[in-house]
Amino acid sequence: MNKIKCPNCDKELPRNALKDLPSFPFCCNKCKLIDLGQWFDEDYKIESTLNPPIAPAGDDEF
């Protein structure tokens, strides 16, 4: 039987019981909230420019 590991605590989860895991891919709500807290603390982040570059003044294409 294939196993899936919780990304937070590495607990093995049975693959055939995924429908029984409301916090999937985490093993429980606690692990889910720990992961969310790491995003809020910026331990995890996606490096990307969110704003497109601004065209210099006078370069209107209208």
PDB file of N, CA and C in Angstrom:
ATOM      1  N   MET A   1       0.842  -1.178   0.000  1.00  0.00           N
ATOM      2  CA  MET A   1       0.000   0.000   0.000  1.00  0.00           C
ATOM      3  C   MET A   1       0.892   1.249   0.000  1.00  0.00           C
ATOM      4  N   ASN A   2       0.604   2.189  -0.880  1.00  0.00           N
ATOM      5  CA  ASN A   2       1.365   3.430  -0.963  1.00  0.00           C
ATOM      6  C   ASN A   2       1.019   4.347   0.197  1.00  0.00           C
ATOM      7  N   LYS A   3       2.019   5.067   0.639  1.00  0.00           N
ATOM      8  CA  LYS A   3       1.822   6.004   1.750  1.00  0.00           C
ATOM      9  C   LYS A   3       2.156   7.411   1.276  1.00  0.00           C
ATOM     10  N   ILE A   4       1.508   8.379   1.872  1.00  0.00           N
ATOM     11  CA  ILE A   4       1.776   9.793   1.636  1.00  0.00           C
ATOM     12  C   ILE A   4       2.216  10.370   2.966  1.00  0.00           C
ATOM     13  N   LYS A   5       3.208  11.263   2.944  1.00  0.00           N
ATOM     14  CA  LYS A   5       3.699  11.855   4.186  1.00  0.00           C
ATOM     15  C   LYS A   5       3.149  13.256   4.361  1.00  0.00           C
ATOM     16  N   CYS A   6       2.793  13.582   5.593  1.00  0.00           N
ATOM     17  CA  CYS A   6       2.364  14.939   5.941  1.00  0.00           C
ATOM     18  C   CYS A   6       3.550  15.877   5.694  1.00  0.00           C
ATOM     19  N   PRO A   7       3.354  16.982   4.965  1.00  0.00           N
ATOM     20  CA  PRO A   7       4.466  17.884   4.678  1.00  0.00           C
ATOM     21  C   PRO A   7       5.060  18.554   5.920  1.00  0.00           C
ATOM     22  N   ASN A   8       4.328  18.552   7.022  1.00  0.00           N
ATOM     23  CA  ASN A   8       4.817  19.219   8.225  1.00  0.00           C
ATOM     24  C   ASN A   8       5.536  18.260   9.174  1.00  0.00           C
ATOM     25  N   CYS A   9       4.912  17.153   9.510  1.00  0.00           N
ATOM     26  CA  CYS A   9       5.478  16.266  10.540  1.00  0.00           C
ATOM     27  C   CYS A   9       5.993  14.935  10.004  1.00  0.00           C
ATOM     28  N   ASP A  10       5.822  14.687   8.717  1.00  0.00           N
ATOM     29  CA  ASP A  10       6.268  13.454   8.054  1.00  0.00           C
ATOM     30  C   ASP A  10       5.525  12.197   8.512  1.00  0.00           C
ATOM     31  N   LYS A  11       4.401  12.366   9.163  1.00  0.00           N
ATOM     32  CA  LYS A  11       3.583  11.224   9.536  1.00  0.00           C
ATOM     33  C   LYS A  11       3.048  10.571   8.266  1.00  0.00           C
ATOM     34  N   GLU A  12       3.100   9.247   8.198  1.00  0.00           N
ATOM     35  CA  GLU A  12       2.617   8.543   7.023  1.00  0.00           C
ATOM     36  C   GLU A  12       1.102   8.427   7.049  1.00  0.00           C
ATOM     37  N   LEU A  13       0.490   8.741   5.918  1.00  0.00           N
ATOM     38  CA  LEU A  13      -0.958   8.678   5.781  1.00  0.00           C
ATOM     39  C   LEU A  13      -1.299   7.605   4.756  1.00  0.00           C
ATOM     40  N   PRO A  14      -2.245   6.742   5.053  1.00  0.00           N
ATOM     41  CA  PRO A  14      -2.619   5.721   4.066  1.00  0.00           C
ATOM     42  C   PRO A  14      -3.297   6.371   2.860  1.00  0.00           C
ATOM     43  N   ARG A  15      -2.884   5.986   1.669  1.00  0.00           N
ATOM     44  CA  ARG A  15      -3.409   6.581   0.442  1.00  0.00           C
ATOM     45  C   ARG A  15      -4.892   6.294   0.258  1.00  0.00           C
ATOM     46  N   ASN A  16      -5.362   5.142   0.688  1.00  0.00           N
ATOM     47  CA  ASN A  16      -6.761   4.784   0.465  1.00  0.00           C
ATOM     48  C   ASN A  16      -7.725   5.503   1.407  1.00  0.00           C
ATOM     49  N   ALA A  17      -7.216   6.311   2.328  1.00  0.00           N
ATOM     50  CA  ALA A  17      -8.086   6.993   3.285  1.00  0.00           C
ATOM     51  C   ALA A  17      -8.098   8.510   3.066  1.00  0.00           C
ATOM     52  N   LEU A  18      -7.719   8.964   1.881  1.00  0.00           N
ATOM     53  CA  LEU A  18      -7.650  10.404   1.630  1.00  0.00           C
ATOM     54  C   LEU A  18      -8.989  11.096   1.825  1.00  0.00           C
ATOM     55  N   LYS A  19     -10.070  10.419   1.476  1.00  0.00           N
ATOM     56  CA  LYS A  19     -11.386  11.032   1.656  1.00  0.00           C
ATOM     57  C   LYS A  19     -11.722  11.215   3.137  1.00  0.00           C
ATOM     58  N   ASP A  20     -11.021  10.480   3.991  1.00  0.00           N
ATOM     59  CA  ASP A  20     -11.236  10.582   5.431  1.00  0.00           C
ATOM     60  C   ASP A  20     -10.329  11.619   6.088  1.00  0.00           C
ATOM     61  N   LEU A  21      -9.514  12.301   5.295  1.00  0.00           N
ATOM     62  CA  LEU A  21      -8.577  13.288   5.830  1.00  0.00           C
ATOM     63  C   LEU A  21      -9.010  14.694   5.400  1.00  0.00           C
ATOM     64  N   PRO A  22      -9.793  15.380   6.210  1.00  0.00           N
ATOM     65  CA  PRO A  22     -10.288  16.708   5.818  1.00  0.00           C
ATOM     66  C   PRO A  22      -9.179  17.757   5.715  1.00  0.00           C
ATOM     67  N   SER A  23      -8.030  17.514   6.311  1.00  0.00           N
ATOM     68  CA  SER A  23      -6.930  18.485   6.276  1.00  0.00           C
ATOM     69  C   SER A  23      -5.875  18.132   5.236  1.00  0.00           C
ATOM     70  N   PHE A  24      -6.189  17.215   4.327  1.00  0.00           N
ATOM     71  CA  PHE A  24      -5.218  16.765   3.322  1.00  0.00           C
ATOM     72  C   PHE A  24      -4.606  17.958   2.598  1.00  0.00           C
ATOM     73  N   PRO A  25      -3.336  18.009   2.376  1.00  0.00           N
ATOM     74  CA  PRO A  25      -2.330  16.962   2.482  1.00  0.00           C
ATOM     75  C   PRO A  25      -1.706  16.828   3.862  1.00  0.00           C
ATOM     76  N   PHE A  26      -2.239  17.554   4.839  1.00  0.00           N
ATOM     77  CA  PHE A  26      -1.719  17.471   6.196  1.00  0.00           C
ATOM     78  C   PHE A  26      -2.460  16.388   6.965  1.00  0.00           C
ATOM     79  N   CYS A  27      -1.837  15.866   8.014  1.00  0.00           N
ATOM     80  CA  CYS A  27      -2.456  14.779   8.775  1.00  0.00           C
ATOM     81  C   CYS A  27      -3.552  15.289   9.711  1.00  0.00           C
ATOM     82  N   CYS A  28      -3.461  16.565  10.112  1.00  0.00           N
ATOM     83  CA  CYS A  28      -4.451  17.114  11.038  1.00  0.00           C
ATOM     84  C   CYS A  28      -4.493  18.635  10.910  1.00  0.00           C
ATOM     85  N   ASN A  29      -5.451  19.238  11.575  1.00  0.00           N
ATOM     86  CA  ASN A  29      -5.595  20.693  11.537  1.00  0.00           C
ATOM     87  C   ASN A  29      -4.391  21.400  12.150  1.00  0.00           C
ATOM     88  N   LYS A  30      -3.794  20.800  13.162  1.00  0.00           N
ATOM     89  CA  LYS A  30      -2.631  21.402  13.815  1.00  0.00           C
ATOM     90  C   LYS A  30      -1.492  21.593  12.807  1.00  0.00           C
ATOM     91  N   CYS A  31      -1.195  20.551  12.032  1.00  0.00           N
ATOM     92  CA  CYS A  31      -0.128  20.651  11.026  1.00  0.00           C
ATOM     93  C   CYS A  31      -0.486  21.670   9.952  1.00  0.00           C
ATOM     94  N   LYS A  32      -1.753  21.729   9.600  1.00  0.00           N
ATOM     95  CA  LYS A  32      -2.220  22.692   8.599  1.00  0.00           C
ATOM     96  C   LYS A  32      -1.999  24.124   9.096  1.00  0.00           C
ATOM     97  N   LEU A  33      -2.317  24.388  10.367  1.00  0.00           N
ATOM     98  CA  LEU A  33      -2.153  25.720  10.940  1.00  0.00           C
ATOM     99  C   LEU A  33      -0.686  26.084  11.157  1.00  0.00           C
ATOM    100  N   ILE A  34       0.140  25.110  11.487  1.00  0.00           N
ATOM    101  CA  ILE A  34       1.582  25.363  11.615  1.00  0.00           C
ATOM    102  C   ILE A  34       2.138  25.820  10.272  1.00  0.00           C
ATOM    103  N   ASP A  35       1.739  25.149   9.189  1.00  0.00           N
ATOM    104  CA  ASP A  35       2.183  25.513   7.854  1.00  0.00           C
ATOM    105  C   ASP A  35       1.709  26.927   7.495  1.00  0.00           C
ATOM    106  N   LEU A  36       0.458  27.235   7.786  1.00  0.00           N
ATOM    107  CA  LEU A  36      -0.083  28.563   7.516  1.00  0.00           C
ATOM    108  C   LEU A  36       0.697  29.635   8.281  1.00  0.00           C
ATOM    109  N   GLY A  37       1.037  29.338   9.531  1.00  0.00           N
ATOM    110  CA  GLY A  37       1.828  30.268  10.338  1.00  0.00           C
ATOM    111  C   GLY A  37       3.198  30.521   9.735  1.00  0.00           C
ATOM    112  N   GLN A  38       3.793  29.501   9.125  1.00  0.00           N
ATOM    113  CA  GLN A  38       5.096  29.678   8.490  1.00  0.00           C
ATOM    114  C   GLN A  38       4.994  30.598   7.278  1.00  0.00           C
ATOM    115  N   TRP A  39       3.872  30.521   6.559  1.00  0.00           N
ATOM    116  CA  TRP A  39       3.657  31.469   5.453  1.00  0.00           C
ATOM    117  C   TRP A  39       3.493  32.887   5.998  1.00  0.00           C
ATOM    118  N   PHE A  40       2.715  33.051   7.083  1.00  0.00           N
ATOM    119  CA  PHE A  40       2.511  34.377   7.668  1.00  0.00           C
ATOM    120  C   PHE A  40       3.812  34.970   8.204  1.00  0.00           C
ATOM    121  N   ASP A  41       4.677  34.126   8.769  1.00  0.00           N
ATOM    122  CA  ASP A  41       5.964  34.588   9.291  1.00  0.00           C
ATOM    123  C   ASP A  41       6.999  34.785   8.184  1.00  0.00           C
ATOM    124  N   GLU A  42       6.606  34.520   6.940  1.00  0.00           N
ATOM    125  CA  GLU A  42       7.451  34.628   5.758  1.00  0.00           C
ATOM    126  C   GLU A  42       8.634  33.671   5.786  1.00  0.00           C
ATOM    127  N   ASP A  43       8.479  32.530   6.492  1.00  0.00           N
ATOM    128  CA  ASP A  43       9.471  31.469   6.383  1.00  0.00           C
ATOM    129  C   ASP A  43       9.404  30.871   4.981  1.00  0.00           C
ATOM    130  N   TYR A  44       8.204  30.869   4.407  1.00  0.00           N
ATOM    131  CA  TYR A  44       7.986  30.464   3.020  1.00  0.00           C
ATOM    132  C   TYR A  44       7.575  31.719   2.265  1.00  0.00           C
ATOM    133  N   LYS A  45       8.055  31.873   1.059  1.00  0.00           N
ATOM    134  CA  LYS A  45       7.587  32.977   0.230  1.00  0.00           C
ATOM    135  C   LYS A  45       7.877  32.660  -1.226  1.00  0.00           C
ATOM    136  N   ILE A  46       7.101  33.267  -2.082  1.00  0.00           N
ATOM    137  CA  ILE A  46       7.268  33.115  -3.514  1.00  0.00           C
ATOM    138  C   ILE A  46       7.895  34.405  -4.014  1.00  0.00           C
ATOM    139  N   GLU A  47       9.085  34.288  -4.548  1.00  0.00           N
ATOM    140  CA  GLU A  47       9.793  35.455  -5.049  1.00  0.00           C
ATOM    141  C   GLU A  47       9.263  35.805  -6.428  1.00  0.00           C
ATOM    142  N   SER A  48       8.642  36.963  -6.544  1.00  0.00           N
ATOM    143  CA  SER A  48       8.105  37.397  -7.819  1.00  0.00           C
ATOM    144  C   SER A  48       7.771  38.878  -7.738  1.00  0.00           C
ATOM    145  N   THR A  49       7.854  39.547  -8.876  1.00  0.00           N
ATOM    146  CA  THR A  49       7.429  40.930  -8.955  1.00  0.00           C
ATOM    147  C   THR A  49       5.932  40.938  -9.190  1.00  0.00           C
ATOM    148  N   LEU A  50       5.190  41.543  -8.290  1.00  0.00           N
ATOM    149  CA  LEU A  50       3.743  41.543  -8.402  1.00  0.00           C
ATOM    150  C   LEU A  50       3.234  42.639  -9.322  1.00  0.00           C
ATOM    151  N   ASN A  51       3.954  43.743  -9.409  1.00  0.00           N
ATOM    152  CA  ASN A  51       3.511  44.864 -10.226  1.00  0.00           C
ATOM    153  C   ASN A  51       4.281  44.892 -11.537  1.00  0.00           C
ATOM    154  N   PRO A  52       3.600  45.091 -12.656  1.00  0.00           N
ATOM    155  CA  PRO A  52       4.322  45.207 -13.933  1.00  0.00           C
ATOM    156  C   PRO A  52       5.124  46.498 -13.954  1.00  0.00           C
ATOM    157  N   PRO A  53       6.165  46.556 -14.747  1.00  0.00           N
ATOM    158  CA  PRO A  53       6.954  47.804 -14.812  1.00  0.00           C
ATOM    159  C   PRO A  53       6.090  48.958 -15.321  1.00  0.00           C
ATOM    160  N   ILE A  54       6.355  50.135 -14.801  1.00  0.00           N
ATOM    161  CA  ILE A  54       5.609  51.328 -15.176  1.00  0.00           C
ATOM    162  C   ILE A  54       6.325  52.022 -16.318  1.00  0.00           C
ATOM    163  N   ALA A  55       5.593  52.346 -17.371  1.00  0.00           N
ATOM    164  CA  ALA A  55       6.172  53.043 -18.520  1.00  0.00           C
ATOM    165  C   ALA A  55       6.528  54.471 -18.128  1.00  0.00           C
ATOM    166  N   PRO A  56       7.642  54.994 -18.616  1.00  0.00           N
ATOM    167  CA  PRO A  56       8.013  56.387 -18.310  1.00  0.00           C
ATOM    168  C   PRO A  56       6.952  57.351 -18.828  1.00  0.00           C
ATOM    169  N   ALA A  57       6.837  58.507 -18.190  1.00  0.00           N
ATOM    170  CA  ALA A  57       5.862  59.520 -18.572  1.00  0.00           C
ATOM    171  C   ALA A  57       6.125  59.987 -20.000  1.00  0.00           C
ATOM    172  N   GLY A  58       5.069  60.212 -20.765  1.00  0.00           N
ATOM    173  CA  GLY A  58       5.190  60.686 -22.128  1.00  0.00           C
ATOM    174  C   GLY A  58       5.226  59.580 -23.165  1.00  0.00           C
ATOM    175  N   ASP A  59       5.192  58.329 -22.742  1.00  0.00           N
ATOM    176  CA  ASP A  59       5.198  57.214 -23.683  1.00  0.00           C
ATOM    177  C   ASP A  59       3.806  56.623 -23.868  1.00  0.00           C
ATOM    178  N   ASP A  60       2.801  57.471 -23.851  1.00  0.00           N
ATOM    179  CA  ASP A  60       1.423  56.981 -24.017  1.00  0.00           C
ATOM    180  C   ASP A  60       1.230  56.476 -25.438  1.00  0.00           C
ATOM    181  N   GLU A  61       0.574  55.342 -25.534  1.00  0.00           N
ATOM    182  CA  GLU A  61       0.308  54.756 -26.849  1.00  0.00           C
ATOM    183  C   GLU A  61      -1.145  54.912 -27.245  1.00  0.00           C
ATOM    184  N   PHE A  62      -1.827  55.886 -26.703  1.00  0.00           N
ATOM    185  CA  PHE A  62      -3.256  56.067 -27.007  1.00  0.00           C
ATOM    186  C   PHE A  62      -3.446  56.840 -28.267  1.00  0.00           C
TER     187      PHE A  62
END
